Structures are given as structure tokens and as C-alpha cells.
Amino acid sequence: MPERTDLCPICGKRTSRKDEHFPFCSARCKTVDLGAWASESYVITRPVTEADEHFENLADAEQDESHD
């Protein structure tokens, strides 16, 4: 099975689940994201629903399977 790649949410560079700083491509992008949370630049725009929790559980199960 080919390795799944995603895009870094900060700079858009390709990153892999095997990367040390996943989902970020580097420590710098990880720190930029943390700074955005700390400065309250990110906000939740709606209440969390059961569908959101279901999606999160599916993503967690997929990640667990990839570690086996």
C-alpha cells in the first residue's frame, strides 16, 4: 500500500504520517500553529456535533490501524 501524504496546514508542503512533526512538515510550522492557538487566532465557529465525534473516531481508528 502506498504511503499516504498530506499537506502541511501552515505552508502547504507535502508531509507524511511518518514525519516527525506530522501533520506539519517541520518544527517551525508546528510552532507557528501553536502560536496561532496561543494568540487565539483560531476559533471554533460552531458547536461540536455527534457527527464530528464520529468522524474523529474513524480517523483515530484509521491511525491505529496504520501503526499495526
C-alpha atoms as a PDB file:
ATOM      1  CA  MET A   1       0.000   0.000   0.000  1.00  0.00           C
ATOM      2  CA  PRO A   2       1.461   3.399  -0.940  1.00  0.00           C
ATOM      3  CA  GLU A   3       2.297   5.797   1.838  1.00  0.00           C
ATOM      4  CA  ARG A   4      -0.378   8.430   2.410  1.00  0.00           C
ATOM      5  CA  THR A   5       0.771  12.025   2.183  1.00  0.00           C
ATOM      6  CA  ASP A   6      -0.980  15.174   3.331  1.00  0.00           C
ATOM      7  CA  LEU A   7      -0.298  18.869   3.071  1.00  0.00           C
ATOM      8  CA  CYS A   8       1.135  20.865   5.969  1.00  0.00           C
ATOM      9  CA  PRO A   9      -1.720  23.069   7.271  1.00  0.00           C
ATOM     10  CA  ILE A  10       0.672  26.027   7.644  1.00  0.00           C
ATOM     11  CA  CYS A  11       2.774  26.152   4.466  1.00  0.00           C
ATOM     12  CA  GLY A  12       1.142  23.549   2.200  1.00  0.00           C
ATOM     13  CA  LYS A  13       4.294  21.454   1.741  1.00  0.00           C
ATOM     14  CA  ARG A  14       3.772  17.679   1.395  1.00  0.00           C
ATOM     15  CA  THR A  15       4.196  15.712   4.607  1.00  0.00           C
ATOM     16  CA  SER A  16       3.805  12.088   5.612  1.00  0.00           C
ATOM     17  CA  ARG A  17       2.423  10.358   8.694  1.00  0.00           C
ATOM     18  CA  LYS A  18       5.941   9.015   9.206  1.00  0.00           C
ATOM     19  CA  ASP A  19       7.386  12.528   9.511  1.00  0.00           C
ATOM     20  CA  GLU A  20       8.499  13.559  12.992  1.00  0.00           C
ATOM     21  CA  HIS A  21       6.305  16.671  13.097  1.00  0.00           C
ATOM     22  CA  PHE A  22       3.195  15.289  11.343  1.00  0.00           C
ATOM     23  CA  PRO A  23       0.783  16.801  10.378  1.00  0.00           C
ATOM     24  CA  PHE A  24       3.266  19.640   9.994  1.00  0.00           C
ATOM     25  CA  CYS A  25       6.309  19.471   7.729  1.00  0.00           C
ATOM     26  CA  SER A  26       8.725  20.986  10.258  1.00  0.00           C
ATOM     27  CA  ALA A  27       9.204  22.183  13.823  1.00  0.00           C
ATOM     28  CA  ARG A  28       8.825  25.747  12.535  1.00  0.00           C
ATOM     29  CA  CYS A  29       5.314  25.114  11.147  1.00  0.00           C
ATOM     30  CA  LYS A  30       4.365  23.288  14.323  1.00  0.00           C
ATOM     31  CA  THR A  31       5.484  26.313  16.379  1.00  0.00           C
ATOM     32  CA  VAL A  32       3.621  28.744  14.094  1.00  0.00           C
ATOM     33  CA  ASP A  33       0.440  26.710  14.639  1.00  0.00           C
ATOM     34  CA  LEU A  34       0.941  26.661  18.410  1.00  0.00           C
ATOM     35  CA  GLY A  35       1.421  30.421  18.381  1.00  0.00           C
ATOM     36  CA  ALA A  36      -1.837  30.872  16.475  1.00  0.00           C
ATOM     37  CA  TRP A  37      -3.695  28.857  19.121  1.00  0.00           C
ATOM     38  CA  ALA A  38      -1.985  30.747  21.953  1.00  0.00           C
ATOM     39  CA  SER A  39      -2.894  34.121  20.445  1.00  0.00           C
ATOM     40  CA  GLU A  40      -6.480  32.900  19.923  1.00  0.00           C
ATOM     41  CA  SER A  41      -6.264  33.328  16.154  1.00  0.00           C
ATOM     42  CA  TYR A  42      -8.152  30.047  15.764  1.00  0.00           C
ATOM     43  CA  VAL A  43     -11.768  29.839  16.898  1.00  0.00           C
ATOM     44  CA  ILE A  44     -14.417  27.160  16.823  1.00  0.00           C
ATOM     45  CA  THR A  45     -17.281  28.600  14.794  1.00  0.00           C
ATOM     46  CA  ARG A  46     -19.986  26.126  15.760  1.00  0.00           C
ATOM     47  CA  PRO A  47     -20.761  23.601  18.473  1.00  0.00           C
ATOM     48  CA  VAL A  48     -19.251  20.116  18.148  1.00  0.00           C
ATOM     49  CA  THR A  49     -21.862  17.583  16.975  1.00  0.00           C
ATOM     50  CA  GLU A  50     -22.173  13.809  17.219  1.00  0.00           C
ATOM     51  CA  ALA A  51     -21.205  13.613  13.535  1.00  0.00           C
ATOM     52  CA  ASP A  52     -17.943  15.437  14.309  1.00  0.00           C
ATOM     53  CA  GLU A  53     -17.177  12.964  17.101  1.00  0.00           C
ATOM     54  CA  HIS A  54     -17.972  10.025  14.809  1.00  0.00           C
ATOM     55  CA  PHE A  55     -15.592  11.398  12.151  1.00  0.00           C
ATOM     56  CA  GLU A  56     -12.873  11.851  14.788  1.00  0.00           C
ATOM     57  CA  ASN A  57     -13.330   8.258  15.996  1.00  0.00           C
ATOM     58  CA  LEU A  58     -12.999   6.975  12.420  1.00  0.00           C
ATOM     59  CA  ALA A  59      -9.790   8.973  11.930  1.00  0.00           C
ATOM     60  CA  ASP A  60      -8.385   7.621  15.218  1.00  0.00           C
ATOM     61  CA  ALA A  61      -9.209   4.040  14.188  1.00  0.00           C
ATOM     62  CA  GLU A  62      -7.516   4.572  10.812  1.00  0.00           C
ATOM     63  CA  GLN A  63      -4.403   5.935  12.514  1.00  0.00           C
ATOM     64  CA  ASP A  64      -4.329   2.979  14.943  1.00  0.00           C
ATOM     65  CA  GLU A  65      -4.509   0.544  12.015  1.00  0.00           C
ATOM     66  CA  SER A  66      -1.572   2.233  10.303  1.00  0.00           C
ATOM     67  CA  HIS A  67       0.583   1.705  13.399  1.00  0.00           C
ATOM     68  CA  ASP A  68      -0.029  -2.075  13.459  1.00  0.00           C
END
